[in-house]
């Protein structure tokens, strides 16, 4: 689970590396940074990590939406119960007041 905490940071670093490499290739195309084996390996790692992070986010989003729907339903049920309880206490107070008078 610790890898999932580090994964977004790794993706940001790799994205910044590729931006720098692209800018360097614009200014000096003879260096051919994007044609190196290291660049190809980093690009593959970046794509795979992005795929894992995207799948994880989709999975977590589905779980969170289910939890939020359940939470809303539970809150609605609790409101209904509290309203019924309030109505019940108001009714019992009215009947006791009538009995006292």
N, C-alpha and C. Protein backbone atom coordinates (compact mmCIF):
# COMPACT_ATOMS: atom_id res chain seq x y z
N UNK A 1 0.81 -1.20 0.00
CA UNK A 1 0.00 0.00 0.00
C UNK A 1 0.85 1.27 0.00
N UNK A 2 2.08 1.14 0.47
CA UNK A 2 2.95 2.31 0.49
C UNK A 2 3.28 2.77 -0.92
N UNK A 3 3.31 1.84 -1.87
CA UNK A 3 3.63 2.20 -3.25
C UNK A 3 2.55 3.11 -3.83
N UNK A 4 1.31 2.92 -3.39
CA UNK A 4 0.23 3.76 -3.92
C UNK A 4 0.34 5.19 -3.41
N UNK A 5 0.99 5.39 -2.27
CA UNK A 5 1.22 6.75 -1.78
C UNK A 5 2.34 7.43 -2.55
N UNK A 6 3.31 6.65 -3.03
CA UNK A 6 4.47 7.19 -3.73
C UNK A 6 4.20 7.31 -5.23
N UNK A 7 3.28 6.53 -5.74
CA UNK A 7 3.03 6.45 -7.18
C UNK A 7 2.73 7.81 -7.82
N UNK A 8 1.83 8.63 -7.29
CA UNK A 8 1.60 9.94 -7.93
C UNK A 8 2.85 10.81 -7.98
N UNK A 9 3.67 10.73 -6.94
CA UNK A 9 4.90 11.53 -6.92
C UNK A 9 5.89 11.04 -7.98
N UNK A 10 5.96 9.74 -8.15
CA UNK A 10 6.84 9.18 -9.18
C UNK A 10 6.37 9.61 -10.58
N UNK A 11 5.08 9.65 -10.78
CA UNK A 11 4.54 10.06 -12.08
C UNK A 11 4.84 11.53 -12.35
N UNK A 12 4.75 12.36 -11.33
CA UNK A 12 5.07 13.78 -11.51
C UNK A 12 6.53 13.95 -11.88
N UNK A 13 7.41 13.23 -11.19
CA UNK A 13 8.85 13.33 -11.48
C UNK A 13 9.14 12.86 -12.90
N UNK A 14 8.57 11.74 -13.30
CA UNK A 14 8.80 11.25 -14.66
C UNK A 14 8.25 12.20 -15.71
N UNK A 15 7.10 12.80 -15.44
CA UNK A 15 6.53 13.76 -16.39
C UNK A 15 7.45 14.98 -16.53
N UNK A 16 7.98 15.44 -15.41
CA UNK A 16 8.90 16.58 -15.47
C UNK A 16 10.19 16.21 -16.21
N UNK A 17 10.67 15.00 -16.03
CA UNK A 17 11.86 14.54 -16.75
C UNK A 17 11.62 14.57 -18.25
N UNK A 18 10.44 14.09 -18.68
CA UNK A 18 10.16 14.07 -20.11
C UNK A 18 9.96 15.47 -20.68
N UNK A 19 9.43 16.38 -19.89
CA UNK A 19 9.31 17.77 -20.35
C UNK A 19 10.70 18.37 -20.56
N UNK A 20 11.59 18.14 -19.61
CA UNK A 20 12.96 18.66 -19.74
C UNK A 20 13.66 18.04 -20.94
N UNK A 21 13.51 16.72 -21.11
CA UNK A 21 14.15 16.05 -22.25
C UNK A 21 13.61 16.59 -23.57
N UNK A 22 12.32 16.85 -23.63
CA UNK A 22 11.72 17.39 -24.85
C UNK A 22 12.25 18.78 -25.16
N UNK A 23 12.35 19.62 -24.14
CA UNK A 23 12.89 20.97 -24.35
C UNK A 23 14.35 20.91 -24.79
N UNK A 24 15.12 20.03 -24.16
CA UNK A 24 16.53 19.90 -24.57
C UNK A 24 16.65 19.41 -26.01
N UNK A 25 15.74 18.53 -26.43
CA UNK A 25 15.77 18.05 -27.81
C UNK A 25 15.39 19.16 -28.79
N UNK A 26 14.52 20.08 -28.37
CA UNK A 26 14.18 21.20 -29.25
C UNK A 26 15.39 22.09 -29.49
N UNK A 27 16.13 22.38 -28.41
CA UNK A 27 17.27 23.28 -28.53
C UNK A 27 18.50 22.62 -29.15
N UNK A 28 18.66 21.32 -28.93
CA UNK A 28 19.83 20.63 -29.47
C UNK A 28 19.39 19.25 -29.98
N UNK A 29 18.85 19.19 -31.19
CA UNK A 29 18.35 17.91 -31.70
C UNK A 29 19.44 16.88 -31.95
N UNK A 30 20.68 17.31 -32.02
CA UNK A 30 21.76 16.36 -32.28
C UNK A 30 22.09 15.50 -31.06
N UNK A 31 21.64 15.92 -29.88
CA UNK A 31 21.86 15.12 -28.68
C UNK A 31 20.96 13.88 -28.68
N UNK A 32 19.79 13.99 -29.31
CA UNK A 32 18.86 12.87 -29.50
C UNK A 32 18.52 12.18 -28.17
N UNK A 33 18.08 12.98 -27.19
CA UNK A 33 17.74 12.42 -25.88
C UNK A 33 16.58 11.42 -25.95
N UNK A 34 15.60 11.70 -26.79
CA UNK A 34 14.44 10.81 -26.87
C UNK A 34 14.74 9.52 -27.63
N UNK A 35 15.84 9.46 -28.32
CA UNK A 35 16.22 8.26 -29.05
C UNK A 35 17.08 7.30 -28.24
N UNK A 36 17.45 7.67 -27.04
CA UNK A 36 18.30 6.81 -26.21
C UNK A 36 17.50 5.67 -25.59
N UNK A 37 18.19 4.57 -25.27
CA UNK A 37 17.53 3.43 -24.62
C UNK A 37 16.97 3.81 -23.25
N UNK A 38 17.68 4.66 -22.53
CA UNK A 38 17.21 5.09 -21.20
C UNK A 38 15.88 5.81 -21.31
N UNK A 39 15.76 6.66 -22.33
CA UNK A 39 14.50 7.39 -22.54
C UNK A 39 13.36 6.43 -22.85
N UNK A 40 13.64 5.42 -23.64
CA UNK A 40 12.62 4.43 -23.99
C UNK A 40 12.18 3.66 -22.75
N UNK A 41 13.12 3.28 -21.91
CA UNK A 41 12.79 2.56 -20.67
C UNK A 41 11.97 3.45 -19.74
N UNK A 42 12.41 4.70 -19.58
CA UNK A 42 11.66 5.63 -18.72
C UNK A 42 10.24 5.88 -19.25
N UNK A 43 10.11 5.98 -20.57
CA UNK A 43 8.79 6.19 -21.17
C UNK A 43 7.90 4.97 -20.92
N UNK A 44 8.44 3.78 -21.02
CA UNK A 44 7.67 2.56 -20.76
C UNK A 44 7.23 2.51 -19.30
N UNK A 45 8.15 2.83 -18.39
CA UNK A 45 7.82 2.84 -16.96
C UNK A 45 6.75 3.89 -16.68
N UNK A 46 6.90 5.05 -17.30
CA UNK A 46 5.91 6.12 -17.11
C UNK A 46 4.53 5.69 -17.58
N UNK A 47 4.47 5.05 -18.73
CA UNK A 47 3.17 4.60 -19.26
C UNK A 47 2.55 3.52 -18.37
N UNK A 48 3.36 2.58 -17.91
CA UNK A 48 2.83 1.51 -17.04
C UNK A 48 2.34 2.07 -15.70
N UNK A 49 3.13 2.97 -15.12
CA UNK A 49 2.71 3.57 -13.84
C UNK A 49 1.46 4.41 -14.00
N UNK A 50 1.35 5.10 -15.11
CA UNK A 50 0.14 5.89 -15.38
C UNK A 50 -1.07 4.98 -15.51
N UNK A 51 -0.89 3.86 -16.16
CA UNK A 51 -1.97 2.89 -16.32
C UNK A 51 -2.42 2.35 -14.96
N UNK A 52 -1.46 2.00 -14.10
CA UNK A 52 -1.78 1.48 -12.76
C UNK A 52 -2.50 2.55 -11.93
N UNK A 53 -1.99 3.77 -11.97
CA UNK A 53 -2.60 4.84 -11.20
C UNK A 53 -4.02 5.14 -11.69
N UNK A 54 -4.22 5.12 -12.99
CA UNK A 54 -5.55 5.38 -13.55
C UNK A 54 -6.54 4.29 -13.14
N UNK A 55 -6.11 3.04 -13.22
CA UNK A 55 -6.99 1.93 -12.83
C UNK A 55 -7.33 2.03 -11.33
N UNK A 56 -6.34 2.37 -10.54
CA UNK A 56 -6.56 2.51 -9.09
C UNK A 56 -7.55 3.63 -8.80
N UNK A 57 -7.39 4.75 -9.49
CA UNK A 57 -8.29 5.88 -9.27
C UNK A 57 -9.72 5.55 -9.68
N UNK A 58 -9.88 4.84 -10.78
CA UNK A 58 -11.22 4.44 -11.21
C UNK A 58 -11.84 3.51 -10.17
N UNK A 59 -11.06 2.54 -9.69
CA UNK A 59 -11.55 1.60 -8.69
C UNK A 59 -11.93 2.32 -7.40
N UNK A 60 -11.06 3.22 -6.95
CA UNK A 60 -11.33 3.95 -5.70
C UNK A 60 -12.52 4.88 -5.85
N UNK A 61 -12.66 5.48 -7.02
CA UNK A 61 -13.78 6.39 -7.25
C UNK A 61 -15.11 5.64 -7.17
N UNK A 62 -15.13 4.43 -7.72
CA UNK A 62 -16.35 3.62 -7.64
C UNK A 62 -16.66 3.27 -6.20
N UNK A 63 -15.65 2.90 -5.43
CA UNK A 63 -15.86 2.58 -4.02
C UNK A 63 -16.35 3.80 -3.24
N UNK A 64 -15.75 4.94 -3.49
CA UNK A 64 -16.14 6.16 -2.78
C UNK A 64 -17.56 6.58 -3.14
N UNK A 65 -17.94 6.42 -4.39
CA UNK A 65 -19.30 6.80 -4.78
C UNK A 65 -20.32 5.87 -4.12
N UNK A 66 -20.00 4.58 -4.00
CA UNK A 66 -20.89 3.65 -3.30
C UNK A 66 -21.01 4.02 -1.83
N UNK A 67 -19.88 4.35 -1.20
CA UNK A 67 -19.89 4.72 0.20
C UNK A 67 -20.67 6.01 0.43
N UNK A 68 -20.52 6.97 -0.45
CA UNK A 68 -21.24 8.23 -0.28
C UNK A 68 -22.74 8.02 -0.47
N UNK A 69 -23.13 7.16 -1.42
CA UNK A 69 -24.56 6.87 -1.58
C UNK A 69 -25.12 6.19 -0.34
N UNK A 70 -24.36 5.25 0.23
CA UNK A 70 -24.81 4.59 1.46
C UNK A 70 -24.90 5.57 2.61
N UNK A 71 -23.98 6.49 2.67
CA UNK A 71 -23.97 7.48 3.74
C UNK A 71 -25.18 8.40 3.63
N UNK A 72 -25.52 8.80 2.41
CA UNK A 72 -26.68 9.66 2.19
C UNK A 72 -27.95 8.92 2.56
N UNK A 73 -28.06 7.65 2.17
CA UNK A 73 -29.24 6.87 2.51
C UNK A 73 -29.36 6.71 4.02
N UNK A 74 -28.25 6.46 4.68
CA UNK A 74 -28.26 6.32 6.14
C UNK A 74 -28.65 7.62 6.83
N UNK A 75 -28.17 8.74 6.30
CA UNK A 75 -28.53 10.04 6.88
C UNK A 75 -30.01 10.33 6.69
N UNK A 76 -30.55 9.96 5.53
CA UNK A 76 -31.98 10.17 5.29
C UNK A 76 -32.81 9.32 6.23
N UNK A 77 -32.40 8.07 6.45
CA UNK A 77 -33.13 7.21 7.38
C UNK A 77 -33.07 7.76 8.80
N UNK A 78 -31.89 8.27 9.19
CA UNK A 78 -31.76 8.84 10.53
C UNK A 78 -32.62 10.08 10.70
N UNK A 79 -32.74 10.90 9.66
CA UNK A 79 -33.60 12.09 9.73
C UNK A 79 -35.05 11.68 9.89
N UNK A 80 -35.47 10.66 9.12
CA UNK A 80 -36.84 10.20 9.24
C UNK A 80 -37.12 9.66 10.63
N UNK A 81 -36.18 8.90 11.19
CA UNK A 81 -36.35 8.36 12.53
C UNK A 81 -36.44 9.48 13.56
N UNK A 82 -35.59 10.49 13.40
CA UNK A 82 -35.60 11.59 14.38
C UNK A 82 -36.89 12.41 14.25
N UNK A 83 -37.40 12.57 13.04
CA UNK A 83 -38.67 13.28 12.87
C UNK A 83 -39.81 12.51 13.50
N UNK A 84 -39.81 11.19 13.31
CA UNK A 84 -40.85 10.36 13.92
C UNK A 84 -40.76 10.42 15.44
N UNK A 85 -39.53 10.40 15.95
CA UNK A 85 -39.34 10.49 17.40
C UNK A 85 -39.81 11.84 17.92
N UNK A 86 -39.54 12.92 17.19
CA UNK A 86 -39.98 14.24 17.62
C UNK A 86 -41.50 14.32 17.61
N UNK A 87 -42.11 13.77 16.57
CA UNK A 87 -43.57 13.78 16.50
C UNK A 87 -44.16 12.96 17.64
N UNK A 88 -43.53 11.85 17.95
CA UNK A 88 -44.00 11.00 19.04
C UNK A 88 -43.89 11.71 20.38
N UNK A 89 -42.82 12.41 20.64
CA UNK A 89 -42.67 13.13 21.91
C UNK A 89 -43.62 14.31 21.96
N UNK A 90 -43.85 14.99 20.83
CA UNK A 90 -44.80 16.09 20.83
C UNK A 90 -46.21 15.58 21.14
N UNK A 91 -46.55 14.44 20.54
CA UNK A 91 -47.86 13.86 20.79
C UNK A 91 -48.01 13.46 22.25
N UNK A 92 -46.98 12.84 22.82
CA UNK A 92 -47.06 12.42 24.21
C UNK A 92 -47.11 13.62 25.14
N UNK A 93 -46.43 14.72 24.81
CA UNK A 93 -46.49 15.93 25.62
C UNK A 93 -47.88 16.54 25.58
N UNK A 94 -48.50 16.55 24.40
CA UNK A 94 -49.85 17.11 24.28
C UNK A 94 -50.85 16.28 25.08
N UNK A 95 -50.72 14.97 25.02
CA UNK A 95 -51.67 14.12 25.75
C UNK A 95 -51.47 14.26 27.25
N UNK A 96 -50.21 14.40 27.72
CA UNK A 96 -50.00 14.57 29.16
C UNK A 96 -50.50 15.94 29.60
N UNK A 97 -50.36 16.97 28.76
CA UNK A 97 -50.89 18.28 29.12
C UNK A 97 -52.42 18.23 29.22
N UNK A 98 -53.06 17.52 28.32
CA UNK A 98 -54.52 17.39 28.37
C UNK A 98 -54.95 16.65 29.64
N UNK A 99 -54.18 15.60 29.96
CA UNK A 99 -54.53 14.83 31.15
C UNK A 99 -54.36 15.65 32.43
N UNK A 100 -53.36 16.54 32.44
CA UNK A 100 -53.13 17.36 33.62
C UNK A 100 -54.23 18.39 33.77
N UNK A 101 -54.68 18.98 32.66
CA UNK A 101 -55.71 20.01 32.72
C UNK A 101 -57.02 19.34 32.97
